[in-house]
C-alpha atoms as a PDB file:
ATOM      1  CA  MET A   1     111.276 -51.454 -90.540  1.00  0.00           C
ATOM      2  CA  LYS A   2     112.074 -47.564 -90.801  1.00  0.00           C
ATOM      3  CA  ASN A   3     109.372 -47.043 -88.113  1.00  0.00           C
ATOM      4  CA  ILE A   4     111.066 -49.337 -85.745  1.00  0.00           C
ATOM      5  CA  PHE A   5     114.467 -47.481 -86.256  1.00  0.00           C
ATOM      6  CA  PHE A   6     112.662 -44.222 -85.813  1.00  0.00           C
ATOM      7  CA  VAL A   7     111.129 -45.354 -82.539  1.00  0.00           C
ATOM      8  CA  PHE A   8     114.452 -46.803 -81.382  1.00  0.00           C
ATOM      9  CA  ALA A   9     116.193 -43.507 -82.183  1.00  0.00           C
ATOM     10  CA  LEU A  10     113.465 -41.455 -80.419  1.00  0.00           C
ATOM     11  CA  VAL A  11     113.778 -43.671 -77.305  1.00  0.00           C
ATOM     12  CA  LEU A  12     117.613 -43.220 -77.391  1.00  0.00           C
ATOM     13  CA  MET A  13     117.170 -39.505 -77.670  1.00  0.00           C
ATOM     14  CA  LEU A  14     114.759 -39.341 -74.717  1.00  0.00           C
ATOM     15  CA  ILE A  15     117.148 -41.452 -72.712  1.00  0.00           C
ATOM     16  CA  SER A  16     120.117 -39.259 -73.524  1.00  0.00           C
ATOM     17  CA  VAL A  17     118.097 -36.020 -72.863  1.00  0.00           C
ATOM     18  CA  ASP A  18     117.008 -37.488 -69.519  1.00  0.00           C
ATOM     19  CA  SER A  19     120.567 -38.395 -68.636  1.00  0.00           C
ATOM     20  CA  CYS A  20     121.826 -34.950 -69.620  1.00  0.00           C
ATOM     21  CA  GLY A  21     120.503 -33.592 -66.464  1.00  0.00           C
ATOM     22  CA  ILE A  22     117.362 -31.855 -67.550  1.00  0.00           C
ATOM     23  CA  LYS A  23     115.547 -31.373 -64.297  1.00  0.00           C
ATOM     24  CA  THR A  24     112.021 -30.758 -63.350  1.00  0.00           C
ATOM     25  CA  GLU A  25     111.003 -27.661 -61.392  1.00  0.00           C
ATOM     26  CA  GLU A  26     110.557 -29.728 -58.337  1.00  0.00           C
ATOM     27  CA  GLU A  27     114.094 -31.195 -58.625  1.00  0.00           C
ATOM     28  CA  LYS A  28     115.466 -27.685 -59.093  1.00  0.00           C
ATOM     29  CA  ILE A  29     113.590 -26.570 -56.000  1.00  0.00           C
ATOM     30  CA  LYS A  30     115.036 -29.521 -53.999  1.00  0.00           C
ATOM     31  CA  ASP A  31     118.445 -28.608 -55.201  1.00  0.00           C
ATOM     32  CA  THR A  32     118.105 -25.082 -54.039  1.00  0.00           C
ATOM     33  CA  VAL A  33     117.009 -26.252 -50.578  1.00  0.00           C
ATOM     34  CA  GLY A  34     120.157 -28.504 -50.527  1.00  0.00           C
ATOM     35  CA  LYS A  35     122.422 -25.669 -51.479  1.00  0.00           C
ATOM     36  CA  LEU A  36     120.944 -23.409 -48.664  1.00  0.00           C
ATOM     37  CA  GLY A  37     121.709 -26.200 -46.299  1.00  0.00           C
ATOM     38  CA  ASN A  38     125.317 -26.520 -47.429  1.00  0.00           C
ATOM     39  CA  PHE A  39     125.811 -22.790 -47.203  1.00  0.00           C
ATOM     40  CA  ALA A  40     124.521 -22.789 -43.646  1.00  0.00           C
ATOM     41  CA  GLU A  41     126.996 -25.522 -42.705  1.00  0.00           C
ATOM     42  CA  GLU A  42     129.675 -23.582 -44.379  1.00  0.00           C
ATOM     43  CA  ARG A  43     128.590 -20.365 -42.487  1.00  0.00           C
ATOM     44  CA  ASN A  44     128.444 -18.815 -45.887  1.00  0.00           C
ATOM     45  CA  VAL A  45     126.125 -15.764 -45.430  1.00  0.00           C
ATOM     46  CA  ASP A  46     126.624 -14.415 -48.973  1.00  0.00           C
ATOM     47  CA  GLY A  47     125.864 -17.840 -50.319  1.00  0.00           C
ATOM     48  CA  ILE A  48     122.574 -18.070 -48.426  1.00  0.00           C
ATOM     49  CA  LEU A  49     121.608 -14.518 -49.390  1.00  0.00           C
ATOM     50  CA  SER A  50     122.134 -15.361 -53.111  1.00  0.00           C
ATOM     51  CA  TYR A  51     119.065 -17.522 -52.800  1.00  0.00           C
ATOM     52  CA  ILE A  52     116.968 -14.845 -50.952  1.00  0.00           C
ATOM     53  CA  ALA A  53     114.786 -12.546 -52.960  1.00  0.00           C
ATOM     54  CA  GLU A  54     115.396  -8.685 -52.721  1.00  0.00           C
ATOM     55  CA  ASP A  55     111.744  -8.269 -51.500  1.00  0.00           C
ATOM     56  CA  TYR A  56     112.139 -11.168 -48.896  1.00  0.00           C
ATOM     57  CA  LEU A  57     109.990 -10.949 -45.891  1.00  0.00           C
ATOM     58  CA  ASP A  58     109.711 -13.486 -42.975  1.00  0.00           C
ATOM     59  CA  MET A  59     107.152 -14.136 -40.326  1.00  0.00           C
ATOM     60  CA  TYR A  60     108.941 -11.547 -38.072  1.00  0.00           C
ATOM     61  CA  SER A  61     108.991  -8.862 -40.958  1.00  0.00           C
ATOM     62  CA  ARG A  62     112.638  -9.340 -41.449  1.00  0.00           C
ATOM     63  CA  THR A  63     113.994  -8.073 -44.661  1.00  0.00           C
ATOM     64  CA  LYS A  64     116.942  -9.559 -46.622  1.00  0.00           C
ATOM     65  CA  ASN A  65     119.163  -7.017 -44.933  1.00  0.00           C
ATOM     66  CA  ASN A  66     117.884  -7.932 -41.443  1.00  0.00           C
ATOM     67  CA  LEU A  67     118.415 -11.615 -42.272  1.00  0.00           C
ATOM     68  CA  ARG A  68     122.111 -10.732 -43.106  1.00  0.00           C
ATOM     69  CA  GLN A  69     122.444  -9.243 -39.671  1.00  0.00           C
ATOM     70  CA  LEU A  70     120.786 -12.226 -37.963  1.00  0.00           C
ATOM     71  CA  LEU A  71     122.889 -14.740 -39.879  1.00  0.00           C
ATOM     72  CA  ASN A  72     126.164 -12.941 -39.038  1.00  0.00           C
ATOM     73  CA  SER A  73     125.184 -12.740 -35.332  1.00  0.00           C
ATOM     74  CA  TYR A  74     124.281 -16.351 -35.274  1.00  0.00           C
ATOM     75  CA  PHE A  75     127.414 -17.540 -36.990  1.00  0.00           C
ATOM     76  CA  ARG A  76     129.476 -15.527 -34.523  1.00  0.00           C
ATOM     77  CA  SER A  77     127.751 -17.065 -31.622  1.00  0.00           C
ATOM     78  CA  TYR A  78     127.594 -20.767 -32.634  1.00  0.00           C
ATOM     79  CA  ARG A  79     130.386 -22.919 -34.017  1.00  0.00           C
ATOM     80  CA  GLY A  80     130.062 -26.100 -35.884  1.00  0.00           C
ATOM     81  CA  ILE A  81     126.463 -25.832 -37.152  1.00  0.00           C
ATOM     82  CA  VAL A  82     125.154 -28.970 -38.538  1.00  0.00           C
ATOM     83  CA  VAL A  83     122.172 -28.686 -40.872  1.00  0.00           C
ATOM     84  CA  HIS A  84     120.319 -31.885 -42.005  1.00  0.00           C
ATOM     85  CA  ILE A  85     117.791 -31.117 -44.582  1.00  0.00           C
ATOM     86  CA  LEU A  86     115.331 -33.958 -44.036  1.00  0.00           C
ATOM     87  CA  GLY A  87     112.070 -34.159 -46.181  1.00  0.00           C
ATOM     88  CA  THR A  88     111.126 -31.438 -48.502  1.00  0.00           C
ATOM     89  CA  ARG A  89     107.661 -31.426 -49.927  1.00  0.00           C
ATOM     90  CA  VAL A  90     106.755 -29.185 -52.986  1.00  0.00           C
ATOM     91  CA  ILE A  91     103.236 -28.249 -52.072  1.00  0.00           C
ATOM     92  CA  GLU A  92     102.450 -26.164 -55.229  1.00  0.00           C
ATOM     93  CA  ILE A  93     104.159 -24.981 -58.321  1.00  0.00           C
ATOM     94  CA  ASN A  94     102.371 -22.224 -60.204  1.00  0.00           C
ATOM     95  CA  LEU A  95     105.175 -20.574 -62.269  1.00  0.00           C
ATOM     96  CA  PRO A  96     106.810 -18.254 -61.399  1.00  0.00           C
ATOM     97  CA  GLU A  97     105.873 -19.178 -57.749  1.00  0.00           C
ATOM     98  CA  ALA A  98     106.219 -22.292 -55.593  1.00  0.00           C
ATOM     99  CA  GLN A  99     105.291 -23.273 -52.018  1.00  0.00           C
ATOM    100  CA  ILE A 100     107.322 -25.797 -50.080  1.00  0.00           C
ATOM    101  CA  GLU A 101     107.601 -27.290 -46.684  1.00  0.00           C
ATOM    102  CA  THR A 102     110.913 -28.718 -45.396  1.00  0.00           C
ATOM    103  CA  ASP A 103     111.788 -30.583 -42.310  1.00  0.00           C
ATOM    104  CA  VAL A 104     115.202 -29.574 -40.887  1.00  0.00           C
ATOM    105  CA  ALA A 105     117.328 -30.912 -38.060  1.00  0.00           C
ATOM    106  CA  LEU A 106     119.824 -28.407 -36.480  1.00  0.00           C
ATOM    107  CA  SER A 107     122.632 -29.208 -34.119  1.00  0.00           C
ATOM    108  CA  SER A 108     126.095 -28.125 -33.256  1.00  0.00           C
ATOM    109  CA  GLY A 109     129.051 -30.281 -34.425  1.00  0.00           C
ATOM    110  CA  ALA A 110     130.537 -29.498 -30.973  1.00  0.00           C
ATOM    111  CA  GLY A 111     127.444 -31.249 -29.447  1.00  0.00           C
ATOM    112  CA  LYS A 112     128.350 -34.664 -30.518  1.00  0.00           C
ATOM    113  CA  ILE A 113     129.557 -35.639 -27.016  1.00  0.00           C
ATOM    114  CA  PHE A 114     126.505 -33.809 -25.606  1.00  0.00           C
ATOM    115  CA  ARG A 115     124.192 -35.901 -27.772  1.00  0.00           C
ATOM    116  CA  LYS A 116     125.710 -39.040 -26.544  1.00  0.00           C
ATOM    117  CA  LEU A 117     125.600 -37.995 -22.838  1.00  0.00           C
ATOM    118  CA  ALA A 118     122.209 -36.257 -22.759  1.00  0.00           C
ATOM    119  CA  SER A 119     120.500 -38.142 -25.560  1.00  0.00           C
ATOM    120  CA  PHE A 120     119.968 -34.730 -27.456  1.00  0.00           C
ATOM    121  CA  TYR A 121     120.019 -34.973 -31.063  1.00  0.00           C
ATOM    122  CA  GLY A 122     119.319 -31.390 -32.067  1.00  0.00           C
ATOM    123  CA  GLU A 123     116.191 -29.366 -32.809  1.00  0.00           C
ATOM    124  CA  TYR A 124     113.721 -30.031 -35.514  1.00  0.00           C
ATOM    125  CA  TYR A 125     111.858 -27.348 -37.509  1.00  0.00           C
ATOM    126  CA  ARG A 126     109.259 -27.278 -40.182  1.00  0.00           C
ATOM    127  CA  ILE A 127     109.962 -24.525 -42.599  1.00  0.00           C
ATOM    128  CA  LYS A 128     107.365 -23.105 -45.005  1.00  0.00           C
ATOM    129  CA  VAL A 129     108.734 -21.220 -47.873  1.00  0.00           C
ATOM    130  CA  LYS A 130     107.303 -19.276 -50.784  1.00  0.00           C
ATOM    131  CA  LEU A 131     109.731 -19.277 -53.576  1.00  0.00           C
ATOM    132  CA  VAL A 132     109.737 -17.253 -56.809  1.00  0.00           C
ATOM    133  CA  LYS A 133     111.660 -17.963 -60.011  1.00  0.00           C
ATOM    134  CA  LYS A 134     113.865 -15.057 -60.971  1.00  0.00           C
ATOM    135  CA  ASN A 135     116.275 -15.290 -63.800  1.00  0.00           C
ATOM    136  CA  SER A 136     115.768 -19.086 -64.130  1.00  0.00           C
ATOM    137  CA  ARG A 137     116.555 -19.441 -60.373  1.00  0.00           C
ATOM    138  CA  TRP A 138     114.496 -20.252 -57.439  1.00  0.00           C
ATOM    139  CA  VAL A 139     114.832 -17.787 -54.503  1.00  0.00           C
ATOM    140  CA  ALA A 140     113.002 -17.572 -51.174  1.00  0.00           C
ATOM    141  CA  GLN A 141     110.492 -14.615 -51.062  1.00  0.00           C
ATOM    142  CA  GLU A 142     108.732 -15.429 -47.811  1.00  0.00           C
ATOM    143  CA  ALA A 143     109.529 -17.798 -44.894  1.00  0.00           C
ATOM    144  CA  ASP A 144     107.816 -19.007 -41.847  1.00  0.00           C
ATOM    145  CA  TRP A 145     109.019 -21.762 -39.439  1.00  0.00           C
ATOM    146  CA  LYS A 146     108.268 -23.433 -36.236  1.00  0.00           C
ATOM    147  CA  SER A 147     109.909 -25.841 -33.874  1.00  0.00           C
ATOM    148  CA  VAL A 148     108.431 -29.415 -34.117  1.00  0.00           C
ATOM    149  CA  ASN A 149     108.735 -32.614 -32.240  1.00  0.00           C
ATOM    150  CA  ILE A 150     110.139 -35.710 -33.774  1.00  0.00           C
ATOM    151  CA  GLU A 151     106.699 -37.245 -33.869  1.00  0.00           C
ATOM    152  CA  VAL A 152     105.378 -34.790 -36.430  1.00  0.00           C
ATOM    153  CA  LEU A 153     108.215 -35.034 -38.955  1.00  0.00           C
ATOM    154  CA  PHE A 154     107.248 -36.103 -42.400  1.00  0.00           C
ATOM    155  CA  PRO A 155     107.545 -39.939 -42.867  1.00  0.00           C
ATOM    156  CA  GLU A 156     110.223 -39.287 -45.476  1.00  0.00           C
ATOM    157  CA  SER A 157     112.107 -37.059 -42.937  1.00  0.00           C
ATOM    158  CA  LEU A 158     112.093 -40.003 -40.495  1.00  0.00           C
ATOM    159  CA  LYS A 159     113.649 -42.263 -43.062  1.00  0.00           C
ATOM    160  CA  ILE A 160     116.440 -39.690 -43.733  1.00  0.00           C
ATOM    161  CA  LEU A 161     116.835 -39.165 -39.978  1.00  0.00           C
ATOM    162  CA  GLU A 162     117.163 -42.922 -39.422  1.00  0.00           C
ATOM    163  CA  LYS A 163     120.184 -43.094 -41.850  1.00  0.00           C
ATOM    164  CA  ILE A 164     121.998 -40.027 -40.534  1.00  0.00           C
ATOM    165  CA  LEU A 165     121.218 -40.104 -36.786  1.00  0.00           C
ATOM    166  CA  PRO A 166     119.695 -43.547 -36.012  1.00  0.00           C
ATOM    167  CA  GLU A 167     120.118 -43.093 -32.273  1.00  0.00           C
ATOM    168  CA  ALA A 168     117.708 -40.158 -32.392  1.00  0.00           C
ATOM    169  CA  LEU A 169     114.828 -42.610 -33.142  1.00  0.00           C
ATOM    170  CA  LYS A 170     115.501 -44.946 -30.238  1.00  0.00           C
END
């Protein structure tokens, strides 16, 4: 009888630990991607850069400081940026590093009328990022991206796109 109570108590403890928000590294990485998307929509350069490693380097050899200049210029030039994080795949986690690929749809909020008139629903990108865990936080150390057609988006990306922009799939 004591064993049953012990097992029951153990199960309750595991359930409560799980519901207390202990996240896996994959969940933490996906949270980081979501926060970066939110910061981009808010035009929050410092927020974005808080998730960029000091030794960051992208495919164009841009450093963190170069990225700051690029973001400031972009946000001055474009209003109403809408960032839809679609599917994110964690390719590998080998602490303290991880590799991810994320599909993103970018558009301008001001383009809503244009989307309806011209059937344009934004641009799609596949972003590959090397993350490093520093001070218990995932930050981007390297990035590479390319423009992709809707036909090559991850299946999970298409499901998300169907919910947020169903007209894009017609």
